[in-house]
C-alpha atoms as a PDB file:
ATOM      1  CA  MET A   1      23.339  11.275  31.079  1.00  0.00           C
ATOM      2  CA  TYR A   2      26.156  12.971  30.431  1.00  0.00           C
ATOM      3  CA  ALA A   3      27.891  11.556  33.350  1.00  0.00           C
ATOM      4  CA  ASP A   4      26.827   8.008  32.138  1.00  0.00           C
ATOM      5  CA  PRO A   5      30.495   6.439  30.598  1.00  0.00           C
ATOM      6  CA  TYR A   6      28.648   4.554  27.862  1.00  0.00           C
ATOM      7  CA  THR A   7      27.684   8.216  26.267  1.00  0.00           C
ATOM      8  CA  PRO A   8      31.052   8.719  24.188  1.00  0.00           C
ATOM      9  CA  LEU A   9      30.721   5.000  22.986  1.00  0.00           C
ATOM     10  CA  PHE A  10      26.793   5.353  21.876  1.00  0.00           C
ATOM     11  CA  LEU A  11      28.319   9.315  20.416  1.00  0.00           C
ATOM     12  CA  PHE A  12      30.515   7.671  17.957  1.00  0.00           C
ATOM     13  CA  ILE A  13      27.809   5.300  17.044  1.00  0.00           C
ATOM     14  CA  PHE A  14      25.597   8.030  15.880  1.00  0.00           C
ATOM     15  CA  LEU A  15      28.494   9.777  14.230  1.00  0.00           C
ATOM     16  CA  ALA A  16      29.163   6.891  12.352  1.00  0.00           C
ATOM     17  CA  GLY A  17      25.658   5.942  11.781  1.00  0.00           C
ATOM     18  CA  LEU A  18      24.957   9.751  10.447  1.00  0.00           C
ATOM     19  CA  ALA A  19      28.154   9.621   7.970  1.00  0.00           C
ATOM     20  CA  ALA A  20      26.942   6.180   6.538  1.00  0.00           C
ATOM     21  CA  THR A  21      23.426   7.231   5.502  1.00  0.00           C
ATOM     22  CA  VAL A  22      24.792  10.877   4.161  1.00  0.00           C
ATOM     23  CA  LEU A  23      27.216   8.644   2.465  1.00  0.00           C
ATOM     24  CA  LEU A  24      24.124   6.600   1.089  1.00  0.00           C
ATOM     25  CA  LEU A  25      21.920   9.045  -0.234  1.00  0.00           C
ATOM     26  CA  ARG A  26      24.473  11.581  -1.489  1.00  0.00           C
ATOM     27  CA  GLY A  27      24.131   9.933  -4.817  1.00  0.00           C
ATOM     28  CA  SER A  28      20.146  11.036  -4.647  1.00  0.00           C
ATOM     29  CA  MET A  29      21.164  14.579  -4.046  1.00  0.00           C
ATOM     30  CA  ARG A  30      21.301  16.248  -7.911  1.00  0.00           C
ATOM     31  CA  ASP A  31      21.798  20.208  -9.208  1.00  0.00           C
ATOM     32  CA  ASN A  32      19.349  21.446 -11.021  1.00  0.00           C
ATOM     33  CA  PRO A  33      19.636  19.346 -14.044  1.00  0.00           C
ATOM     34  CA  LEU A  34      18.289  23.067 -16.343  1.00  0.00           C
ATOM     35  CA  ARG A  35      21.152  24.858 -14.671  1.00  0.00           C
ATOM     36  CA  GLN A  36      23.513  22.283 -15.737  1.00  0.00           C
ATOM     37  CA  ARG A  37      22.424  22.138 -18.988  1.00  0.00           C
ATOM     38  CA  LEU A  38      22.619  25.782 -19.503  1.00  0.00           C
ATOM     39  CA  GLY A  39      25.546  26.710 -17.835  1.00  0.00           C
ATOM     40  CA  GLY A  40      27.812  23.584 -18.393  1.00  0.00           C
ATOM     41  CA  ASP A  41      29.802  23.395 -21.536  1.00  0.00           C
ATOM     42  CA  ALA A  42      27.564  21.928 -24.191  1.00  0.00           C
ATOM     43  CA  ASP A  43      29.612  19.070 -25.330  1.00  0.00           C
ATOM     44  CA  ASP A  44      30.145  17.462 -21.678  1.00  0.00           C
ATOM     45  CA  THR A  45      26.222  18.048 -21.116  1.00  0.00           C
ATOM     46  CA  ALA A  46      25.594  16.318 -24.189  1.00  0.00           C
ATOM     47  CA  GLU A  47      27.875  13.429 -23.223  1.00  0.00           C
ATOM     48  CA  ALA A  48      27.056  12.703 -20.012  1.00  0.00           C
ATOM     49  CA  PRO A  49      24.117  14.358 -18.265  1.00  0.00           C
ATOM     50  CA  ALA A  50      24.167  14.567 -14.446  1.00  0.00           C
ATOM     51  CA  GLY A  51      23.544  10.893 -12.388  1.00  0.00           C
ATOM     52  CA  THR A  52      25.129   9.013 -15.557  1.00  0.00           C
ATOM     53  CA  ILE A  53      27.813   6.687 -15.652  1.00  0.00           C
ATOM     54  CA  ALA A  54      30.721   9.379 -15.486  1.00  0.00           C
ATOM     55  CA  GLU A  55      29.589  10.217 -12.157  1.00  0.00           C
ATOM     56  CA  ASP A  56      29.510   6.429 -11.355  1.00  0.00           C
ATOM     57  CA  GLY A  57      33.096   6.255 -12.002  1.00  0.00           C
ATOM     58  CA  ALA A  58      34.092   8.981  -9.671  1.00  0.00           C
ATOM     59  CA  PRO A  59      36.098   7.426  -6.884  1.00  0.00           C
ATOM     60  CA  LEU A  60      34.643   7.856  -3.320  1.00  0.00           C
ATOM     61  CA  PRO A  61      37.012   8.921  -0.492  1.00  0.00           C
ATOM     62  CA  ALA A  62      39.269   6.808   1.275  1.00  0.00           C
ATOM     63  CA  ALA A  63      36.617   6.953   4.833  1.00  0.00           C
ATOM     64  CA  ALA A  64      33.708   5.741   2.371  1.00  0.00           C
ATOM     65  CA  GLN A  65      35.586   3.073   0.953  1.00  0.00           C
ATOM     66  CA  SER A  66      36.759   2.154   4.463  1.00  0.00           C
ATOM     67  CA  ILE A  67      33.069   2.176   5.520  1.00  0.00           C
ATOM     68  CA  ALA A  68      31.823   0.104   2.382  1.00  0.00           C
ATOM     69  CA  ARG A  69      34.311  -2.586   3.475  1.00  0.00           C
ATOM     70  CA  PHE A  70      33.195  -3.201   6.782  1.00  0.00           C
ATOM     71  CA  GLY A  71      29.662  -3.049   5.855  1.00  0.00           C
ATOM     72  CA  LEU A  72      29.873  -5.292   2.960  1.00  0.00           C
ATOM     73  CA  GLN A  73      30.886  -8.208   5.568  1.00  0.00           C
ATOM     74  CA  LEU A  74      27.689  -7.788   7.416  1.00  0.00           C
ATOM     75  CA  ALA A  75      25.616  -8.071   4.359  1.00  0.00           C
ATOM     76  CA  GLY A  76      25.471 -11.956   4.618  1.00  0.00           C
ATOM     77  CA  THR A  77      25.798 -14.364   2.102  1.00  0.00           C
ATOM     78  CA  ALA A  78      26.014 -13.841  -1.893  1.00  0.00           C
ATOM     79  CA  GLN A  79      22.529 -14.292  -2.398  1.00  0.00           C
ATOM     80  CA  ASP A  80      21.328 -11.626   0.312  1.00  0.00           C
ATOM     81  CA  ARG A  81      23.796  -8.978  -1.525  1.00  0.00           C
ATOM     82  CA  LEU A  82      22.851 -10.064  -5.028  1.00  0.00           C
ATOM     83  CA  ALA A  83      19.407  -8.787  -3.973  1.00  0.00           C
ATOM     84  CA  LEU A  84      20.406  -5.966  -2.463  1.00  0.00           C
ATOM     85  CA  GLU A  85      22.426  -5.152  -5.694  1.00  0.00           C
ATOM     86  CA  ARG A  86      19.130  -5.139  -7.548  1.00  0.00           C
ATOM     87  CA  LEU A  87      17.352  -3.378  -4.911  1.00  0.00           C
ATOM     88  CA  LEU A  88      19.641  -0.457  -4.897  1.00  0.00           C
ATOM     89  CA  ALA A  89      20.047  -0.542  -8.464  1.00  0.00           C
ATOM     90  CA  GLN A  90      16.430   0.122  -8.814  1.00  0.00           C
ATOM     91  CA  ALA A  91      16.437   2.834  -6.994  1.00  0.00           C
ATOM     92  CA  GLY A  92      19.357   4.353  -9.046  1.00  0.00           C
ATOM     93  CA  TRP A  93      22.517   3.173  -7.201  1.00  0.00           C
ATOM     94  CA  ARG A  94      24.840   1.063  -9.364  1.00  0.00           C
ATOM     95  CA  ARG A  95      28.174   1.318  -7.528  1.00  0.00           C
ATOM     96  CA  PRO A  96      29.083  -1.381  -5.719  1.00  0.00           C
ATOM     97  CA  GLU A  97      30.132   0.385  -2.318  1.00  0.00           C
ATOM     98  CA  THR A  98      26.712   0.808  -2.029  1.00  0.00           C
ATOM     99  CA  VAL A  99      25.509  -2.309  -0.461  1.00  0.00           C
ATOM    100  CA  GLY A 100      28.520  -1.707   2.310  1.00  0.00           C
ATOM    101  CA  LEU A 101      27.226   1.613   2.784  1.00  0.00           C
ATOM    102  CA  LEU A 102      23.812   0.714   3.049  1.00  0.00           C
ATOM    103  CA  MET A 103      24.306  -2.206   5.776  1.00  0.00           C
ATOM    104  CA  ALA A 104      26.654   0.403   7.445  1.00  0.00           C
ATOM    105  CA  ALA A 105      23.848   2.492   7.532  1.00  0.00           C
ATOM    106  CA  LYS A 106      20.945  -0.013   8.407  1.00  0.00           C
ATOM    107  CA  TYR A 107      23.319  -1.268  11.639  1.00  0.00           C
ATOM    108  CA  GLY A 108      24.506   2.097  12.516  1.00  0.00           C
ATOM    109  CA  CYS A 109      20.599   3.403  12.610  1.00  0.00           C
ATOM    110  CA  GLY A 110      19.818   0.502  14.512  1.00  0.00           C
ATOM    111  CA  LEU A 111      22.270   1.211  17.356  1.00  0.00           C
ATOM    112  CA  LEU A 112      21.573   4.728  17.468  1.00  0.00           C
ATOM    113  CA  LEU A 113      17.571   4.156  17.743  1.00  0.00           C
ATOM    114  CA  CYS A 114      18.762   1.569  20.565  1.00  0.00           C
ATOM    115  CA  ALA A 115      21.115   3.665  22.134  1.00  0.00           C
ATOM    116  CA  GLY A 116      18.563   6.307  21.867  1.00  0.00           C
ATOM    117  CA  ALA A 117      16.092   4.272  23.593  1.00  0.00           C
ATOM    118  CA  LEU A 118      17.545   2.848  26.328  1.00  0.00           C
ATOM    119  CA  TRP A 119      18.918   5.938  27.506  1.00  0.00           C
ATOM    120  CA  GLY A 120      16.331   8.748  26.483  1.00  0.00           C
ATOM    121  CA  LEU A 121      12.847   6.351  27.612  1.00  0.00           C
ATOM    122  CA  LEU A 122      13.993   4.028  30.418  1.00  0.00           C
ATOM    123  CA  GLY A 123      15.569   5.056  33.758  1.00  0.00           C
ATOM    124  CA  PRO A 124      19.281   3.630  35.429  1.00  0.00           C
ATOM    125  CA  GLN A 125      17.394   0.724  36.633  1.00  0.00           C
ATOM    126  CA  SER A 126      15.371  -0.620  34.149  1.00  0.00           C
ATOM    127  CA  ARG A 127      17.988  -0.237  31.189  1.00  0.00           C
ATOM    128  CA  PHE A 128      19.730  -4.112  31.472  1.00  0.00           C
ATOM    129  CA  GLY A 129      16.813  -6.039  32.507  1.00  0.00           C
ATOM    130  CA  LEU A 130      14.080  -7.259  30.196  1.00  0.00           C
ATOM    131  CA  THR A 131      12.379  -4.254  29.778  1.00  0.00           C
ATOM    132  CA  GLY A 132      15.278  -2.901  28.496  1.00  0.00           C
ATOM    133  CA  LEU A 133      16.055  -6.188  26.600  1.00  0.00           C
ATOM    134  CA  ALA A 134      12.588  -5.708  25.003  1.00  0.00           C
ATOM    135  CA  VAL A 135      12.818  -1.763  24.448  1.00  0.00           C
ATOM    136  CA  GLY A 136      16.283  -2.361  22.754  1.00  0.00           C
ATOM    137  CA  LEU A 137      15.752  -5.048  20.243  1.00  0.00           C
ATOM    138  CA  ILE A 138      12.810  -2.995  18.937  1.00  0.00           C
ATOM    139  CA  ALA A 139      14.257   0.150  18.586  1.00  0.00           C
ATOM    140  CA  LEU A 140      17.659  -2.048  16.680  1.00  0.00           C
ATOM    141  CA  PHE A 141      14.752  -3.731  14.222  1.00  0.00           C
ATOM    142  CA  ALA A 142      12.812  -0.267  13.455  1.00  0.00           C
ATOM    143  CA  GLY A 143      16.467   1.096  13.055  1.00  0.00           C
ATOM    144  CA  THR A 144      17.578  -1.018  10.640  1.00  0.00           C
ATOM    145  CA  THR A 145      14.535  -1.555   8.673  1.00  0.00           C
ATOM    146  CA  LEU A 146      14.291   2.404   7.996  1.00  0.00           C
ATOM    147  CA  PRO A 147      17.182   2.689   5.859  1.00  0.00           C
ATOM    148  CA  GLU A 148      16.153  -0.450   3.630  1.00  0.00           C
ATOM    149  CA  LEU A 149      12.761   0.958   3.739  1.00  0.00           C
ATOM    150  CA  LEU A 150      13.696   4.422   2.287  1.00  0.00           C
ATOM    151  CA  VAL A 151      15.588   2.850  -0.927  1.00  0.00           C
ATOM    152  CA  LYS A 152      12.307   0.441  -1.400  1.00  0.00           C
ATOM    153  CA  LEU A 153      10.577   4.301  -1.163  1.00  0.00           C
ATOM    154  CA  ARG A 154      12.678   5.427  -3.452  1.00  0.00           C
ATOM    155  CA  ALA A 155      13.205   2.517  -5.689  1.00  0.00           C
ATOM    156  CA  ALA A 156       9.228   2.524  -6.389  1.00  0.00           C
ATOM    157  CA  ARG A 157       8.972   6.284  -7.402  1.00  0.00           C
ATOM    158  CA  ARG A 158      11.701   5.703  -9.700  1.00  0.00           C
ATOM    159  CA  HIS A 159      10.014   2.812 -11.143  1.00  0.00           C
ATOM    160  CA  GLU A 160       6.564   5.000 -11.473  1.00  0.00           C
ATOM    161  CA  ALA A 161       8.908   7.689 -13.265  1.00  0.00           C
ATOM    162  CA  LEU A 162      10.056   5.046 -15.800  1.00  0.00           C
ATOM    163  CA  SER A 163       6.555   3.643 -16.627  1.00  0.00           C
ATOM    164  CA  ARG A 164       5.583   7.155 -16.771  1.00  0.00           C
ATOM    165  CA  SER A 165       8.349   8.100 -19.133  1.00  0.00           C
ATOM    166  CA  MET A 166       8.844   5.104 -21.484  1.00  0.00           C
ATOM    167  CA  PRO A 167       6.194   5.995 -23.953  1.00  0.00           C
ATOM    168  CA  ASP A 168       7.752   9.379 -24.556  1.00  0.00           C
ATOM    169  CA  ALA A 169      11.478   8.051 -25.082  1.00  0.00           C
ATOM    170  CA  LEU A 170       9.726   5.158 -27.149  1.00  0.00           C
ATOM    171  CA  ASP A 171       8.615   8.241 -29.812  1.00  0.00           C
ATOM    172  CA  LEU A 172      11.880   9.726 -29.521  1.00  0.00           C
ATOM    173  CA  MET A 173      13.527   6.437 -30.471  1.00  0.00           C
ATOM    174  CA  VAL A 174      11.218   5.870 -33.240  1.00  0.00           C
ATOM    175  CA  ILE A 175      12.278   9.543 -34.888  1.00  0.00           C
ATOM    176  CA  CYS A 176      15.947   8.965 -34.078  1.00  0.00           C
ATOM    177  CA  ALA A 177      15.546   5.730 -36.234  1.00  0.00           C
ATOM    178  CA  GLU A 178      14.006   7.389 -38.836  1.00  0.00           C
ATOM    179  CA  ALA A 179      16.593   9.593 -39.429  1.00  0.00           C
ATOM    180  CA  GLY A 180      18.923   6.872 -39.700  1.00  0.00           C
ATOM    181  CA  LEU A 181      20.660   6.978 -36.680  1.00  0.00           C
ATOM    182  CA  PRO A 182      22.810   3.599 -34.962  1.00  0.00           C
ATOM    183  CA  PHE A 183      21.047   2.229 -32.041  1.00  0.00           C
ATOM    184  CA  PRO A 184      23.875   3.558 -29.666  1.00  0.00           C
ATOM    185  CA  ARG A 185      23.252   7.244 -30.692  1.00  0.00           C
ATOM    186  CA  ILE A 186      19.651   6.826 -30.598  1.00  0.00           C
ATOM    187  CA  LEU A 187      20.274   5.949 -26.843  1.00  0.00           C
ATOM    188  CA  LYS A 188      22.413   8.879 -26.495  1.00  0.00           C
ATOM    189  CA  THR A 189      20.472  11.131 -28.112  1.00  0.00           C
ATOM    190  CA  VAL A 190      17.103  10.194 -26.333  1.00  0.00           C
ATOM    191  CA  SER A 191      19.258  10.693 -22.857  1.00  0.00           C
ATOM    192  CA  ARG A 192      20.240  13.892 -23.593  1.00  0.00           C
ATOM    193  CA  GLU A 193      16.755  15.400 -24.835  1.00  0.00           C
ATOM    194  CA  LEU A 194      15.043  13.560 -21.784  1.00  0.00           C
ATOM    195  CA  ALA A 195      17.732  14.826 -19.253  1.00  0.00           C
ATOM    196  CA  LEU A 196      14.865  17.662 -17.906  1.00  0.00           C
ATOM    197  CA  SER A 197      11.596  16.074 -18.383  1.00  0.00           C
ATOM    198  CA  ALA A 198      12.879  12.894 -17.428  1.00  0.00           C
ATOM    199  CA  PRO A 199      15.902  12.519 -15.776  1.00  0.00           C
ATOM    200  CA  ALA A 200      15.635   8.568 -14.214  1.00  0.00           C
ATOM    201  CA  MET A 201      15.174   7.103 -18.046  1.00  0.00           C
ATOM    202  CA  ALA A 202      17.590   9.653 -19.375  1.00  0.00           C
ATOM    203  CA  ASP A 203      20.288   8.546 -16.538  1.00  0.00           C
ATOM    204  CA  GLU A 204      19.300   4.247 -17.509  1.00  0.00           C
ATOM    205  CA  LEU A 205      19.501   5.067 -21.403  1.00  0.00           C
ATOM    206  CA  SER A 206      23.110   6.717 -20.838  1.00  0.00           C
ATOM    207  CA  TYR A 207      24.389   3.932 -18.908  1.00  0.00           C
ATOM    208  CA  THR A 208      22.752   1.331 -21.365  1.00  0.00           C
ATOM    209  CA  SER A 209      24.699   3.670 -24.339  1.00  0.00           C
ATOM    210  CA  ALA A 210      27.782   3.509 -22.192  1.00  0.00           C
ATOM    211  CA  GLU A 211      27.523   0.077 -21.887  1.00  0.00           C
ATOM    212  CA  LEU A 212      26.743  -0.978 -25.709  1.00  0.00           C
ATOM    213  CA  GLN A 213      30.352   0.763 -26.207  1.00  0.00           C
ATOM    214  CA  LEU A 214      31.690  -1.613 -23.587  1.00  0.00           C
ATOM    215  CA  LEU A 215      30.512  -4.719 -24.207  1.00  0.00           C
ATOM    216  CA  PRO A 216      30.532  -7.105 -27.328  1.00  0.00           C
ATOM    217  CA  ASP A 217      27.223  -8.190 -27.120  1.00  0.00           C
ATOM    218  CA  ARG A 218      24.356  -5.757 -27.511  1.00  0.00           C
ATOM    219  CA  SER A 219      22.054  -7.857 -25.954  1.00  0.00           C
ATOM    220  CA  ALA A 220      24.263  -8.519 -22.780  1.00  0.00           C
ATOM    221  CA  ALA A 221      23.572  -4.473 -22.400  1.00  0.00           C
ATOM    222  CA  LEU A 222      19.869  -4.471 -22.904  1.00  0.00           C
ATOM    223  CA  ARG A 223      19.560  -7.395 -20.550  1.00  0.00           C
ATOM    224  CA  HIS A 224      20.894  -5.052 -17.885  1.00  0.00           C
ATOM    225  CA  LEU A 225      18.871  -2.185 -18.790  1.00  0.00           C
ATOM    226  CA  ALA A 226      15.848  -4.475 -17.836  1.00  0.00           C
ATOM    227  CA  GLU A 227      17.272  -6.316 -15.126  1.00  0.00           C
ATOM    228  CA  ARG A 228      18.334  -2.985 -13.675  1.00  0.00           C
ATOM    229  CA  THR A 229      14.761  -1.442 -14.185  1.00  0.00           C
ATOM    230  CA  ARG A 230      12.314  -3.844 -13.479  1.00  0.00           C
ATOM    231  CA  VAL A 231       9.717  -1.995 -15.452  1.00  0.00           C
ATOM    232  CA  PRO A 232       7.242  -4.452 -17.604  1.00  0.00           C
ATOM    233  CA  ALA A 233       7.213  -1.795 -20.446  1.00  0.00           C
ATOM    234  CA  VAL A 234      11.382  -1.554 -20.637  1.00  0.00           C
ATOM    235  CA  GLU A 235      11.418  -5.640 -20.405  1.00  0.00           C
ATOM    236  CA  SER A 236       9.053  -6.077 -23.642  1.00  0.00           C
ATOM    237  CA  MET A 237      11.314  -3.513 -25.148  1.00  0.00           C
ATOM    238  CA  VAL A 238      14.085  -5.328 -24.786  1.00  0.00           C
ATOM    239  CA  GLY A 239      12.753  -8.517 -25.645  1.00  0.00           C
ATOM    240  CA  SER A 240      11.377  -7.149 -28.857  1.00  0.00           C
ATOM    241  CA  LEU A 241      14.649  -5.291 -29.563  1.00  0.00           C
ATOM    242  CA  ILE A 242      16.649  -9.031 -28.807  1.00  0.00           C
ATOM    243  CA  GLN A 243      14.074 -10.451 -31.358  1.00  0.00           C
ATOM    244  CA  ALA A 244      14.128  -7.806 -33.830  1.00  0.00           C
ATOM    245  CA  GLU A 245      17.863  -7.791 -33.881  1.00  0.00           C
ATOM    246  CA  ARG A 246      18.144 -11.670 -34.290  1.00  0.00           C
ATOM    247  CA  TYR A 247      15.754 -12.253 -36.866  1.00  0.00           C
ATOM    248  CA  GLY A 248      16.404  -9.176 -38.967  1.00  0.00           C
ATOM    249  CA  THR A 249      13.708  -6.680 -38.661  1.00  0.00           C
ATOM    250  CA  PRO A 250      13.829  -2.859 -39.124  1.00  0.00           C
ATOM    251  CA  LEU A 251      15.078  -1.060 -36.160  1.00  0.00           C
ATOM    252  CA  ALA A 252      12.101   1.745 -36.493  1.00  0.00           C
ATOM    253  CA  GLN A 253       9.362  -0.673 -37.843  1.00  0.00           C
ATOM    254  CA  ALA A 254      10.390  -2.294 -33.933  1.00  0.00           C
ATOM    255  CA  LEU A 255      10.239   0.315 -32.175  1.00  0.00           C
ATOM    256  CA  ARG A 256       7.179   1.805 -33.961  1.00  0.00           C
ATOM    257  CA  THR A 257       5.514  -1.583 -32.560  1.00  0.00           C
ATOM    258  CA  ILE A 258       6.794  -1.080 -29.316  1.00  0.00           C
ATOM    259  CA  ALA A 259       5.845   2.547 -28.964  1.00  0.00           C
ATOM    260  CA  GLU A 260       2.267   1.937 -29.843  1.00  0.00           C
ATOM    261  CA  GLU A 261       1.994  -1.083 -27.698  1.00  0.00           C
ATOM    262  CA  SER A 262       3.760   1.010 -24.456  1.00  0.00           C
ATOM    263  CA  ARG A 263       1.543   3.940 -24.720  1.00  0.00           C
ATOM    264  CA  SER A 264      -1.908   1.997 -24.983  1.00  0.00           C
ATOM    265  CA  ARG A 265      -0.647   0.159 -21.921  1.00  0.00           C
ATOM    266  CA  LEU A 266      -0.044   3.340 -19.949  1.00  0.00           C
ATOM    267  CA  ILE A 267      -3.355   4.478 -21.308  1.00  0.00           C
ATOM    268  CA  LEU A 268      -5.195   1.429 -19.742  1.00  0.00           C
ATOM    269  CA  GLU A 269      -3.426   2.099 -16.563  1.00  0.00           C
ATOM    270  CA  LEU A 270      -4.309   5.560 -16.102  1.00  0.00           C
ATOM    271  CA  GLU A 271      -8.121   4.257 -17.101  1.00  0.00           C
ATOM    272  CA  GLU A 272      -7.776   1.176 -14.513  1.00  0.00           C
ATOM    273  CA  LYS A 273      -6.899   4.189 -11.667  1.00  0.00           C
ATOM    274  CA  ALA A 274      -9.242   6.875 -12.758  1.00  0.00           C
ATOM    275  CA  GLY A 275     -11.779   3.629 -12.217  1.00  0.00           C
ATOM    276  CA  LYS A 276     -10.996   2.964  -9.037  1.00  0.00           C
ATOM    277  CA  LEU A 277     -11.257   6.415  -7.827  1.00  0.00           C
ATOM    278  CA  PRO A 278     -14.756   6.298  -6.620  1.00  0.00           C
ATOM    279  CA  ALA A 279     -14.345   3.103  -4.543  1.00  0.00           C
ATOM    280  CA  GLN A 280     -11.262   4.692  -3.147  1.00  0.00           C
ATOM    281  CA  LEU A 281     -12.549   7.749  -2.022  1.00  0.00           C
ATOM    282  CA  SER A 282     -15.721   6.335  -0.712  1.00  0.00           C
ATOM    283  CA  VAL A 283     -13.830   5.582   2.766  1.00  0.00           C
ATOM    284  CA  PRO A 284     -12.570   9.697   2.953  1.00  0.00           C
ATOM    285  CA  LEU A 285     -16.177  10.692   2.266  1.00  0.00           C
ATOM    286  CA  MET A 286     -17.814   8.367   4.740  1.00  0.00           C
ATOM    287  CA  THR A 287     -15.113   9.454   7.310  1.00  0.00           C
ATOM    288  CA  LEU A 288     -14.407  13.347   7.037  1.00  0.00           C
ATOM    289  CA  ILE A 289     -17.836  14.400   5.376  1.00  0.00           C
ATOM    290  CA  LEU A 290     -20.856  12.076   6.970  1.00  0.00           C
ATOM    291  CA  PRO A 291     -19.779  13.068  10.731  1.00  0.00           C
ATOM    292  CA  PRO A 292     -20.279  16.667   9.871  1.00  0.00           C
ATOM    293  CA  VAL A 293     -23.477  16.470   8.243  1.00  0.00           C
ATOM    294  CA  VAL A 294     -24.866  14.191  10.623  1.00  0.00           C
ATOM    295  CA  ALA A 295     -23.789  16.286  13.482  1.00  0.00           C
ATOM    296  CA  ILE A 296     -25.460  19.529  11.706  1.00  0.00           C
ATOM    297  CA  VAL A 297     -28.866  17.499  10.938  1.00  0.00           C
ATOM    298  CA  ALA A 298     -29.057  16.600  14.384  1.00  0.00           C
ATOM    299  CA  THR A 299     -27.734  19.909  16.511  1.00  0.00           C
ATOM    300  CA  PRO A 300     -30.956  21.388  16.037  1.00  0.00           C
ATOM    301  CA  ALA A 301     -33.000  18.729  17.706  1.00  0.00           C
ATOM    302  CA  LEU A 302     -30.262  17.491  20.247  1.00  0.00           C
ATOM    303  CA  MET A 303     -30.490  21.231  21.528  1.00  0.00           C
ATOM    304  CA  ARG A 304     -34.108  21.050  22.425  1.00  0.00           C
ATOM    305  CA  VAL A 305     -33.615  17.689  23.920  1.00  0.00           C
ATOM    306  CA  VAL A 306     -31.140  19.249  26.254  1.00  0.00           C
ATOM    307  CA  ARG A 307     -33.445  22.617  26.913  1.00  0.00           C
ATOM    308  CA  SER A 308     -36.546  20.092  27.457  1.00  0.00           C
ATOM    309  CA  LEU A 309     -34.638  18.447  30.534  1.00  0.00           C
ATOM    310  CA  LEU A 310     -33.227  21.492  31.965  1.00  0.00           C
ATOM    311  CA  GLN A 311     -36.887  22.846  32.100  1.00  0.00           C
END
């Protein structure tokens, strides 16, 4: 393998794919929020929790930007790029360079697995034949699918976390609204209070609070929140807040109504999951418990049959 002339080329492809994957997953690695909240400056922590828009504005290294520009050319049409941007936004990555980094990671992992399959599983005689072509295509497909699958798994976990933390966030918003705080200040205060228990919700609310300060239209910032999260509870909150602002409904009353509906929806979802548990547990019970029980009951009879046959 080391004497093969293509080894340096595939080693370079491996290093490039590994670097793109590390840069893509770098945004998900955060320090302990409790240590940040207790050890850092109180003003800085209150204004920008970990993972908020302040970190999104930090520039990437020059090498990462070059990889992102190269990967962006492989993203396909504008519709494909928009779909990837929405998927990355649901996973918590809102930087414009993440699409290029994701594409670079996809093709880098695909070429890496293709090279590993051809040079690690096949011999020199079958690498460039039909067998090598089939193995290479399968490995390339698996490698290009793996990074996007990881992003989808992260987006699904974040979607679940946002759905679970939405009632608590709405309850805090009601308290802040009844205290007389304006809506941008409500989002900032709630994001600071939820930084430990619900970092995903704190991240989205802090980002929305920053957008409210930059955008002239409040409804546009709220619509961006619904488009980024794709959570039904958040979309319902956004729609209710936009209607309340349009028709002049008091903010505290609108938030209280949304909080009650969100809490009721969460309880119904939990009851639905609890009702499905007996049906879901029937298959593991039959698979893991029934065979040992049958074996324990039938073993004495089988032993007597075997002894009678041996005699």
